[in-house]
Amino acid sequence: MTCIVGVEIDGKVVITGDIQGSGHNTKIVHTQPKVFTNSGMAFGYTTSYRFGQIIEHSIDKGFLPSSDDQVYPWLVKEFVPHCKKVLREGDYDAGGTCLIGIRGQLWRLEDDFAVLRSVIGFDAVGSGQEFALGALSTYMKMQMVSSVDDVVRLSSKVIESVSEHCPSVGRDSTSIVV
């Protein structure tokens, strides 16, 4: 279990995730973060480490939509089929949940391969998502962010706060910006 948060700001996307793995009453901090960049996109995953590893190392380079207004149809018609293909080739038959940052837009990939974008400009996935959405909503309404650097700091604080209330979320986190 985990917590991944994403925020759109100034034409960029910040994705932050904890680095703890947990399950069956155990937890461990891992060396490989659950957030990464690949082919000009940012990803932050939950559900399965194998899901994230295949996405991180198997998505083709140079595989991007031609313009900002083409991101949604590209995700549906190009990325999702490609994603399903590389997961099958990696002997992984299930889906997974992740946040994707591309061309300043934050998208959620559901475990059934649906792609969604929130109108509020931020999102969260994982076992701590409800706590994270509440914290992000409060910070955003208080107008505590005005730059990408502010969002990176804020996102790390959100993960830290979530870890105080959700035992399956670790305190330490990693952030990426695309």
N, C-alpha and C. Protein backbone atom coordinates (compact mmCIF):
# COMPACT_ATOMS: atom_id res chain seq x y z
N MET A 1 0.85 -1.17 0.00
CA MET A 1 0.00 0.00 0.00
C MET A 1 0.89 1.23 0.00
N THR A 2 0.30 2.35 -0.35
CA THR A 2 1.12 3.53 -0.55
C THR A 2 0.25 4.77 -0.65
N CYS A 3 0.91 5.89 -0.88
CA CYS A 3 0.20 7.12 -1.21
C CYS A 3 1.01 7.88 -2.25
N ILE A 4 0.35 8.19 -3.34
CA ILE A 4 0.93 8.98 -4.42
C ILE A 4 0.04 10.20 -4.60
N VAL A 5 0.65 11.39 -4.66
CA VAL A 5 -0.11 12.62 -4.90
C VAL A 5 0.43 13.30 -6.16
N GLY A 6 -0.44 13.97 -6.87
CA GLY A 6 -0.05 14.71 -8.06
C GLY A 6 -0.75 16.05 -8.11
N VAL A 7 -0.03 17.06 -8.60
CA VAL A 7 -0.57 18.42 -8.68
C VAL A 7 -0.13 19.05 -10.00
N GLU A 8 -1.08 19.70 -10.67
CA GLU A 8 -0.78 20.51 -11.87
C GLU A 8 -0.49 21.93 -11.41
N ILE A 9 0.62 22.51 -11.91
CA ILE A 9 0.92 23.91 -11.61
C ILE A 9 1.85 24.48 -12.68
N ASP A 10 1.50 25.67 -13.17
CA ASP A 10 2.34 26.42 -14.11
C ASP A 10 2.77 25.57 -15.31
N GLY A 11 1.87 24.79 -15.88
CA GLY A 11 2.20 23.98 -17.04
C GLY A 11 3.07 22.77 -16.75
N LYS A 12 3.23 22.45 -15.48
CA LYS A 12 4.03 21.29 -15.04
C LYS A 12 3.15 20.38 -14.19
N VAL A 13 3.64 19.17 -13.96
CA VAL A 13 2.99 18.24 -13.04
C VAL A 13 4.04 17.78 -12.03
N VAL A 14 3.67 17.83 -10.75
CA VAL A 14 4.50 17.30 -9.67
C VAL A 14 3.84 16.02 -9.18
N ILE A 15 4.60 14.94 -9.13
CA ILE A 15 4.10 13.68 -8.57
C ILE A 15 5.04 13.27 -7.45
N THR A 16 4.46 12.99 -6.29
CA THR A 16 5.21 12.61 -5.09
C THR A 16 4.64 11.32 -4.53
N GLY A 17 5.53 10.44 -4.10
CA GLY A 17 5.07 9.19 -3.51
C GLY A 17 5.96 8.75 -2.37
N ASP A 18 5.36 8.04 -1.43
CA ASP A 18 6.16 7.48 -0.34
C ASP A 18 7.01 6.34 -0.88
N ILE A 19 7.99 5.89 -0.10
CA ILE A 19 8.88 4.82 -0.56
C ILE A 19 8.77 3.57 0.32
N GLN A 20 7.67 3.47 1.03
CA GLN A 20 7.46 2.31 1.89
C GLN A 20 6.59 1.28 1.18
N GLY A 21 6.95 0.02 1.34
CA GLY A 21 6.10 -1.07 0.90
C GLY A 21 5.50 -1.72 2.13
N SER A 22 4.24 -2.13 2.02
CA SER A 22 3.61 -2.76 3.18
C SER A 22 2.60 -3.79 2.73
N GLY A 23 2.29 -4.67 3.63
CA GLY A 23 1.30 -5.71 3.38
C GLY A 23 1.43 -6.82 4.40
N HIS A 24 0.34 -7.45 4.67
CA HIS A 24 0.32 -8.58 5.62
C HIS A 24 1.02 -8.24 6.92
N ASN A 25 0.72 -7.06 7.48
CA ASN A 25 1.22 -6.63 8.77
C ASN A 25 2.73 -6.39 8.80
N THR A 26 3.33 -6.09 7.64
CA THR A 26 4.75 -5.77 7.58
C THR A 26 4.95 -4.48 6.78
N LYS A 27 6.10 -3.87 6.98
CA LYS A 27 6.45 -2.70 6.17
C LYS A 27 7.96 -2.67 5.99
N ILE A 28 8.38 -2.10 4.85
CA ILE A 28 9.80 -1.96 4.56
C ILE A 28 9.98 -0.74 3.65
N VAL A 29 11.05 0.01 3.89
CA VAL A 29 11.38 1.14 3.03
C VAL A 29 12.27 0.60 1.92
N HIS A 30 11.88 0.87 0.69
CA HIS A 30 12.59 0.33 -0.47
C HIS A 30 13.53 1.35 -1.09
N THR A 31 14.52 0.85 -1.82
CA THR A 31 15.49 1.73 -2.49
C THR A 31 14.93 2.29 -3.79
N GLN A 32 13.98 1.62 -4.41
CA GLN A 32 13.41 2.09 -5.67
C GLN A 32 12.14 2.89 -5.41
N PRO A 33 12.12 4.17 -5.78
CA PRO A 33 10.91 4.96 -5.57
C PRO A 33 9.76 4.49 -6.45
N LYS A 34 8.55 4.82 -6.04
CA LYS A 34 7.34 4.47 -6.80
C LYS A 34 6.94 5.60 -7.73
N VAL A 35 7.81 6.57 -7.90
CA VAL A 35 7.61 7.66 -8.86
C VAL A 35 8.82 7.69 -9.78
N PHE A 36 8.59 7.94 -11.07
CA PHE A 36 9.68 7.94 -12.03
C PHE A 36 9.23 8.67 -13.30
N THR A 37 10.19 8.99 -14.15
CA THR A 37 9.88 9.54 -15.46
C THR A 37 10.27 8.52 -16.51
N ASN A 38 9.51 8.53 -17.60
CA ASN A 38 9.79 7.66 -18.73
C ASN A 38 9.17 8.30 -19.96
N SER A 39 9.94 8.47 -21.00
CA SER A 39 9.46 8.98 -22.28
C SER A 39 8.76 10.34 -22.15
N GLY A 40 9.26 11.20 -21.29
CA GLY A 40 8.67 12.53 -21.14
C GLY A 40 7.42 12.57 -20.28
N MET A 41 7.09 11.46 -19.65
CA MET A 41 5.93 11.39 -18.76
C MET A 41 6.42 11.10 -17.34
N ALA A 42 5.63 11.51 -16.36
CA ALA A 42 5.89 11.17 -14.96
C ALA A 42 4.86 10.15 -14.53
N PHE A 43 5.29 9.21 -13.70
CA PHE A 43 4.40 8.16 -13.19
C PHE A 43 4.58 8.04 -11.68
N GLY A 44 3.50 7.74 -10.99
CA GLY A 44 3.53 7.38 -9.59
C GLY A 44 2.54 6.26 -9.42
N TYR A 45 3.01 5.09 -8.99
CA TYR A 45 2.15 3.90 -9.00
C TYR A 45 1.88 3.33 -7.62
N THR A 46 0.80 2.60 -7.56
CA THR A 46 0.41 1.81 -6.41
C THR A 46 -0.04 0.45 -6.94
N THR A 47 -0.63 -0.37 -6.15
CA THR A 47 -1.16 -1.67 -6.52
C THR A 47 -0.11 -2.77 -6.48
N SER A 48 0.95 -2.67 -7.30
CA SER A 48 1.93 -3.75 -7.41
C SER A 48 3.27 -3.20 -7.84
N TYR A 49 4.33 -3.64 -7.18
CA TYR A 49 5.66 -3.22 -7.62
C TYR A 49 5.94 -3.73 -9.03
N ARG A 50 5.48 -4.93 -9.35
CA ARG A 50 5.71 -5.48 -10.68
C ARG A 50 5.05 -4.61 -11.75
N PHE A 51 3.84 -4.15 -11.49
CA PHE A 51 3.15 -3.24 -12.41
C PHE A 51 4.03 -2.02 -12.69
N GLY A 52 4.52 -1.38 -11.65
CA GLY A 52 5.35 -0.19 -11.81
C GLY A 52 6.66 -0.46 -12.51
N GLN A 53 7.29 -1.59 -12.19
CA GLN A 53 8.57 -1.93 -12.80
C GLN A 53 8.44 -2.12 -14.31
N ILE A 54 7.37 -2.78 -14.73
CA ILE A 54 7.17 -3.00 -16.16
C ILE A 54 6.90 -1.67 -16.87
N ILE A 55 6.06 -0.83 -16.28
CA ILE A 55 5.79 0.48 -16.89
C ILE A 55 7.08 1.30 -16.96
N GLU A 56 7.86 1.28 -15.90
CA GLU A 56 9.08 2.09 -15.87
C GLU A 56 10.09 1.66 -16.93
N HIS A 57 10.21 0.37 -17.17
CA HIS A 57 11.28 -0.12 -18.03
C HIS A 57 10.83 -0.63 -19.40
N SER A 58 9.54 -0.60 -19.69
CA SER A 58 9.08 -1.18 -20.96
C SER A 58 8.29 -0.25 -21.87
N ILE A 59 7.95 0.95 -21.42
CA ILE A 59 7.24 1.89 -22.29
C ILE A 59 8.24 2.45 -23.30
N ASP A 60 7.86 2.44 -24.57
CA ASP A 60 8.74 2.91 -25.65
C ASP A 60 9.09 4.38 -25.50
N LYS A 61 10.34 4.69 -25.77
CA LYS A 61 10.79 6.08 -25.78
C LYS A 61 10.19 6.80 -26.99
N GLY A 62 9.96 8.09 -26.86
CA GLY A 62 9.43 8.86 -27.97
C GLY A 62 7.98 8.58 -28.30
N PHE A 63 7.26 8.10 -27.34
CA PHE A 63 5.89 7.63 -27.52
C PHE A 63 4.94 8.65 -26.87
N LEU A 64 4.78 9.83 -27.49
CA LEU A 64 3.97 10.90 -26.89
C LEU A 64 2.93 11.43 -27.86
N PRO A 65 1.85 12.02 -27.33
CA PRO A 65 0.85 12.63 -28.22
C PRO A 65 1.43 13.87 -28.91
N SER A 66 0.83 14.23 -30.03
CA SER A 66 1.37 15.33 -30.83
C SER A 66 1.06 16.72 -30.27
N SER A 67 0.00 16.85 -29.44
CA SER A 67 -0.35 18.16 -28.88
C SER A 67 -1.12 17.99 -27.58
N ASP A 68 -1.25 19.10 -26.83
CA ASP A 68 -1.94 19.06 -25.53
C ASP A 68 -3.37 18.58 -25.65
N ASP A 69 -4.08 19.01 -26.68
CA ASP A 69 -5.49 18.63 -26.82
C ASP A 69 -5.67 17.18 -27.28
N GLN A 70 -4.57 16.53 -27.61
CA GLN A 70 -4.64 15.13 -28.03
C GLN A 70 -4.26 14.15 -26.91
N VAL A 71 -3.98 14.66 -25.71
CA VAL A 71 -3.53 13.78 -24.63
C VAL A 71 -4.59 12.74 -24.29
N TYR A 72 -5.83 13.15 -24.05
CA TYR A 72 -6.87 12.19 -23.66
C TYR A 72 -7.10 11.11 -24.72
N PRO A 73 -7.36 11.47 -25.99
CA PRO A 73 -7.54 10.39 -26.97
C PRO A 73 -6.29 9.53 -27.14
N TRP A 74 -5.11 10.14 -27.02
CA TRP A 74 -3.87 9.37 -27.12
C TRP A 74 -3.75 8.36 -25.98
N LEU A 75 -4.09 8.80 -24.76
CA LEU A 75 -4.05 7.87 -23.63
C LEU A 75 -4.99 6.68 -23.87
N VAL A 76 -6.20 6.96 -24.34
CA VAL A 76 -7.20 5.91 -24.55
C VAL A 76 -6.84 4.99 -25.71
N LYS A 77 -6.44 5.58 -26.84
CA LYS A 77 -6.25 4.79 -28.06
C LYS A 77 -4.84 4.26 -28.27
N GLU A 78 -3.85 4.92 -27.70
CA GLU A 78 -2.45 4.52 -27.93
C GLU A 78 -1.78 3.98 -26.66
N PHE A 79 -1.80 4.80 -25.59
CA PHE A 79 -1.06 4.42 -24.39
C PHE A 79 -1.64 3.19 -23.70
N VAL A 80 -2.94 3.17 -23.47
CA VAL A 80 -3.54 2.03 -22.76
C VAL A 80 -3.31 0.71 -23.50
N PRO A 81 -3.56 0.63 -24.80
CA PRO A 81 -3.25 -0.64 -25.49
C PRO A 81 -1.77 -1.01 -25.40
N HIS A 82 -0.88 -0.01 -25.53
CA HIS A 82 0.56 -0.28 -25.41
C HIS A 82 0.90 -0.76 -23.99
N CYS A 83 0.31 -0.12 -23.00
CA CYS A 83 0.52 -0.50 -21.61
C CYS A 83 0.08 -1.94 -21.36
N LYS A 84 -1.11 -2.29 -21.84
CA LYS A 84 -1.61 -3.65 -21.68
C LYS A 84 -0.68 -4.66 -22.36
N LYS A 85 -0.17 -4.29 -23.52
CA LYS A 85 0.73 -5.18 -24.27
C LYS A 85 2.03 -5.43 -23.49
N VAL A 86 2.67 -4.35 -23.00
CA VAL A 86 3.93 -4.55 -22.28
C VAL A 86 3.72 -5.27 -20.95
N LEU A 87 2.57 -5.07 -20.32
CA LEU A 87 2.29 -5.81 -19.09
C LEU A 87 2.15 -7.31 -19.38
N ARG A 88 1.43 -7.66 -20.46
CA ARG A 88 1.30 -9.07 -20.85
C ARG A 88 2.67 -9.67 -21.18
N GLU A 89 3.48 -8.91 -21.94
CA GLU A 89 4.82 -9.39 -22.30
C GLU A 89 5.69 -9.59 -21.06
N GLY A 90 5.41 -8.84 -20.00
CA GLY A 90 6.14 -8.99 -18.73
C GLY A 90 5.51 -10.02 -17.81
N ASP A 91 4.60 -10.84 -18.35
CA ASP A 91 3.91 -11.88 -17.58
C ASP A 91 3.12 -11.31 -16.41
N TYR A 92 2.56 -10.13 -16.60
CA TYR A 92 1.71 -9.50 -15.60
C TYR A 92 0.35 -9.32 -16.22
N ASP A 93 -0.63 -10.05 -15.74
CA ASP A 93 -1.95 -10.08 -16.38
C ASP A 93 -2.97 -9.12 -15.78
N ALA A 94 -2.63 -8.49 -14.68
CA ALA A 94 -3.57 -7.58 -14.02
C ALA A 94 -3.29 -6.14 -14.45
N GLY A 95 -4.10 -5.23 -13.98
CA GLY A 95 -3.87 -3.81 -14.19
C GLY A 95 -3.20 -3.23 -12.96
N GLY A 96 -3.25 -1.94 -12.85
CA GLY A 96 -2.69 -1.25 -11.71
C GLY A 96 -3.18 0.18 -11.71
N THR A 97 -3.00 0.86 -10.60
CA THR A 97 -3.44 2.24 -10.48
C THR A 97 -2.21 3.14 -10.39
N CYS A 98 -2.23 4.22 -11.16
CA CYS A 98 -1.11 5.16 -11.09
C CYS A 98 -1.57 6.55 -11.51
N LEU A 99 -0.76 7.53 -11.17
CA LEU A 99 -0.94 8.88 -11.68
C LEU A 99 0.07 9.07 -12.79
N ILE A 100 -0.36 9.79 -13.82
CA ILE A 100 0.50 10.06 -14.97
C ILE A 100 0.52 11.57 -15.20
N GLY A 101 1.71 12.14 -15.31
CA GLY A 101 1.86 13.54 -15.67
C GLY A 101 2.38 13.63 -17.08
N ILE A 102 1.65 14.36 -17.91
CA ILE A 102 2.05 14.50 -19.31
C ILE A 102 1.56 15.85 -19.85
N ARG A 103 2.47 16.62 -20.44
CA ARG A 103 2.14 17.91 -21.05
C ARG A 103 1.39 18.84 -20.08
N GLY A 104 1.81 18.86 -18.81
CA GLY A 104 1.19 19.73 -17.82
C GLY A 104 -0.15 19.25 -17.31
N GLN A 105 -0.54 18.04 -17.69
CA GLN A 105 -1.83 17.47 -17.27
C GLN A 105 -1.61 16.26 -16.37
N LEU A 106 -2.43 16.16 -15.33
CA LEU A 106 -2.37 15.04 -14.40
C LEU A 106 -3.53 14.09 -14.68
N TRP A 107 -3.21 12.84 -14.94
CA TRP A 107 -4.20 11.81 -15.24
C TRP A 107 -4.08 10.66 -14.27
N ARG A 108 -5.18 9.98 -14.04
CA ARG A 108 -5.21 8.76 -13.22
C ARG A 108 -5.50 7.58 -14.14
N LEU A 109 -4.67 6.55 -14.05
CA LEU A 109 -4.93 5.30 -14.75
C LEU A 109 -5.48 4.32 -13.72
N GLU A 110 -6.71 3.89 -13.92
CA GLU A 110 -7.36 2.95 -13.00
C GLU A 110 -6.92 1.52 -13.30
N ASP A 111 -7.17 0.61 -12.37
CA ASP A 111 -6.76 -0.78 -12.58
C ASP A 111 -7.55 -1.48 -13.68
N ASP A 112 -8.65 -0.88 -14.14
CA ASP A 112 -9.37 -1.42 -15.31
C ASP A 112 -8.96 -0.69 -16.59
N PHE A 113 -7.91 0.12 -16.51
CA PHE A 113 -7.33 0.87 -17.62
C PHE A 113 -8.17 2.07 -18.05
N ALA A 114 -9.13 2.50 -17.25
CA ALA A 114 -9.82 3.76 -17.50
C ALA A 114 -8.84 4.90 -17.19
N VAL A 115 -8.93 5.99 -17.94
CA VAL A 115 -8.10 7.17 -17.68
C VAL A 115 -9.00 8.34 -17.32
N LEU A 116 -8.66 9.03 -16.24
CA LEU A 116 -9.50 10.10 -15.71
C LEU A 116 -8.64 11.30 -15.35
N ARG A 117 -9.22 12.49 -15.48
CA ARG A 117 -8.53 13.72 -15.07
C ARG A 117 -9.49 14.55 -14.23
N SER A 118 -9.05 14.91 -13.04
CA SER A 118 -9.87 15.70 -12.13
C SER A 118 -9.90 17.16 -12.56
N VAL A 119 -11.03 17.81 -12.33
CA VAL A 119 -11.15 19.23 -12.66
C VAL A 119 -10.47 20.12 -11.62
N ILE A 120 -10.08 19.56 -10.47
CA ILE A 120 -9.50 20.39 -9.40
C ILE A 120 -7.99 20.57 -9.51
N GLY A 121 -7.34 19.86 -10.46
CA GLY A 121 -5.92 20.07 -10.67
C GLY A 121 -5.00 19.27 -9.76
N PHE A 122 -5.56 18.38 -8.97
CA PHE A 122 -4.73 17.49 -8.15
C PHE A 122 -5.48 16.20 -7.93
N ASP A 123 -4.73 15.16 -7.53
CA ASP A 123 -5.33 13.85 -7.30
C ASP A 123 -4.40 13.05 -6.40
N ALA A 124 -4.89 11.93 -5.92
CA ALA A 124 -4.09 11.02 -5.09
C ALA A 124 -4.60 9.60 -5.30
N VAL A 125 -3.70 8.65 -5.16
CA VAL A 125 -4.05 7.23 -5.25
C VAL A 125 -3.34 6.48 -4.13
N GLY A 126 -3.85 5.30 -3.83
CA GLY A 126 -3.23 4.45 -2.82
C GLY A 126 -4.03 4.43 -1.54
N SER A 127 -3.50 3.72 -0.57
CA SER A 127 -4.22 3.52 0.69
C SER A 127 -4.40 4.81 1.48
N GLY A 128 -3.57 5.81 1.23
CA GLY A 128 -3.70 7.09 1.92
C GLY A 128 -4.38 8.17 1.11
N GLN A 129 -5.04 7.79 0.03
CA GLN A 129 -5.57 8.82 -0.88
C GLN A 129 -6.59 9.74 -0.23
N GLU A 130 -7.46 9.24 0.62
CA GLU A 130 -8.47 10.11 1.23
C GLU A 130 -7.82 11.17 2.12
N PHE A 131 -6.84 10.75 2.93
CA PHE A 131 -6.13 11.72 3.78
C PHE A 131 -5.41 12.75 2.91
N ALA A 132 -4.76 12.27 1.84
CA ALA A 132 -3.99 13.15 0.96
C ALA A 132 -4.89 14.16 0.25
N LEU A 133 -6.03 13.70 -0.25
CA LEU A 133 -6.95 14.62 -0.93
C LEU A 133 -7.46 15.70 0.02
N GLY A 134 -7.74 15.32 1.25
CA GLY A 134 -8.17 16.31 2.24
C GLY A 134 -7.09 17.33 2.54
N ALA A 135 -5.86 16.85 2.72
CA ALA A 135 -4.75 17.77 3.00
C ALA A 135 -4.49 18.67 1.80
N LEU A 136 -4.44 18.10 0.60
CA LEU A 136 -4.20 18.91 -0.59
C LEU A 136 -5.29 19.96 -0.79
N SER A 137 -6.52 19.57 -0.58
CA SER A 137 -7.64 20.49 -0.74
C SER A 137 -7.51 21.67 0.22
N THR A 138 -7.16 21.38 1.45
CA THR A 138 -6.99 22.44 2.46
C THR A 138 -5.86 23.38 2.07
N TYR A 139 -4.70 22.81 1.73
CA TYR A 139 -3.56 23.64 1.34
C TYR A 139 -3.88 24.50 0.12
N MET A 140 -4.54 23.92 -0.86
CA MET A 140 -4.85 24.67 -2.08
C MET A 140 -5.85 25.80 -1.79
N LYS A 141 -6.84 25.53 -0.95
CA LYS A 141 -7.81 26.57 -0.62
C LYS A 141 -7.18 27.69 0.19
N MET A 142 -6.15 27.38 0.95
CA MET A 142 -5.44 28.40 1.73
C MET A 142 -4.43 29.15 0.86
N GLN A 143 -4.35 28.78 -0.41
CA GLN A 143 -3.44 29.40 -1.36
C GLN A 143 -2.00 29.40 -0.85
N MET A 144 -1.56 28.23 -0.37
CA MET A 144 -0.22 28.11 0.18
C MET A 144 0.82 27.75 -0.88
N VAL A 145 0.41 27.68 -2.16
CA VAL A 145 1.35 27.34 -3.21
C VAL A 145 1.28 28.37 -4.34
N SER A 146 2.45 28.78 -4.82
CA SER A 146 2.47 29.71 -5.94
C SER A 146 3.51 29.32 -6.98
N SER A 147 4.27 28.24 -6.70
CA SER A 147 5.31 27.82 -7.64
C SER A 147 5.47 26.30 -7.61
N VAL A 148 6.20 25.79 -8.58
CA VAL A 148 6.49 24.36 -8.62
C VAL A 148 7.25 23.95 -7.36
N ASP A 149 8.23 24.75 -6.95
CA ASP A 149 8.99 24.43 -5.74
C ASP A 149 8.09 24.35 -4.51
N ASP A 150 7.10 25.27 -4.42
CA ASP A 150 6.14 25.22 -3.31
C ASP A 150 5.37 23.90 -3.33
N VAL A 151 4.97 23.44 -4.51
CA VAL A 151 4.20 22.19 -4.63
C VAL A 151 5.06 21.00 -4.24
N VAL A 152 6.33 21.00 -4.62
CA VAL A 152 7.22 19.90 -4.23
C VAL A 152 7.32 19.83 -2.72
N ARG A 153 7.53 20.95 -2.06
CA ARG A 153 7.61 20.98 -0.59
C ARG A 153 6.28 20.56 0.04
N LEU A 154 5.20 21.11 -0.48
CA LEU A 154 3.87 20.81 0.04
C LEU A 154 3.54 19.32 -0.12
N SER A 155 3.85 18.75 -1.27
CA SER A 155 3.53 17.35 -1.52
C SER A 155 4.27 16.43 -0.55
N SER A 156 5.52 16.76 -0.26
CA SER A 156 6.28 15.97 0.72
C SER A 156 5.65 16.07 2.11
N LYS A 157 5.19 17.27 2.46
CA LYS A 157 4.51 17.46 3.75
C LYS A 157 3.18 16.70 3.79
N VAL A 158 2.47 16.64 2.66
CA VAL A 158 1.22 15.88 2.59
C VAL A 158 1.50 14.41 2.87
N ILE A 159 2.52 13.84 2.21
CA ILE A 159 2.86 12.43 2.44
C ILE A 159 3.23 12.21 3.90
N GLU A 160 4.01 13.11 4.46
CA GLU A 160 4.40 13.01 5.86
C GLU A 160 3.16 13.02 6.77
N SER A 161 2.22 13.93 6.50
CA SER A 161 0.99 14.00 7.30
C SER A 161 0.15 12.74 7.14
N VAL A 162 0.04 12.24 5.92
CA VAL A 162 -0.73 11.02 5.69
C VAL A 162 -0.13 9.86 6.47
N SER A 163 1.20 9.79 6.52
CA SER A 163 1.86 8.68 7.23
C SER A 163 1.53 8.67 8.72
N GLU A 164 1.17 9.81 9.27
CA GLU A 164 0.81 9.89 10.69
C GLU A 164 -0.56 9.30 10.96
N HIS A 165 -1.38 9.14 9.92
CA HIS A 165 -2.75 8.65 10.09
C HIS A 165 -3.01 7.32 9.40
N CYS A 166 -2.17 6.95 8.47
CA CYS A 166 -2.36 5.72 7.69
C CYS A 166 -1.09 4.87 7.81
N PRO A 167 -1.14 3.76 8.56
CA PRO A 167 0.07 2.98 8.82
C PRO A 167 0.70 2.34 7.59
N SER A 168 -0.03 2.24 6.49
CA SER A 168 0.54 1.63 5.28
C SER A 168 1.25 2.64 4.38
N VAL A 169 1.39 3.87 4.86
CA VAL A 169 2.09 4.92 4.12
C VAL A 169 3.32 5.33 4.89
N GLY A 170 4.46 5.36 4.20
CA GLY A 170 5.71 5.76 4.84
C GLY A 170 5.89 7.26 4.89
N ARG A 171 6.73 7.71 5.79
CA ARG A 171 6.97 9.14 6.00
C ARG A 171 7.86 9.76 4.91
N ASP A 172 8.84 9.02 4.45
CA ASP A 172 9.78 9.54 3.45
C ASP A 172 9.16 9.45 2.07
N SER A 173 9.53 10.41 1.20
CA SER A 173 8.93 10.45 -0.12
C SER A 173 9.92 10.92 -1.16
N THR A 174 9.53 10.73 -2.41
CA THR A 174 10.31 11.18 -3.57
C THR A 174 9.36 11.97 -4.47
N SER A 175 9.86 13.07 -5.04
CA SER A 175 9.06 13.89 -5.96
C SER A 175 9.75 13.99 -7.31
N ILE A 176 8.92 14.10 -8.35
CA ILE A 176 9.42 14.35 -9.70
C ILE A 176 8.55 15.43 -10.33
N VAL A 177 9.14 16.14 -11.29
CA VAL A 177 8.43 17.22 -11.98
C VAL A 177 8.62 17.01 -13.48
N VAL A 178 7.52 17.08 -14.24
CA VAL A 178 7.60 17.08 -15.71
C VAL A 178 6.74 18.20 -16.25
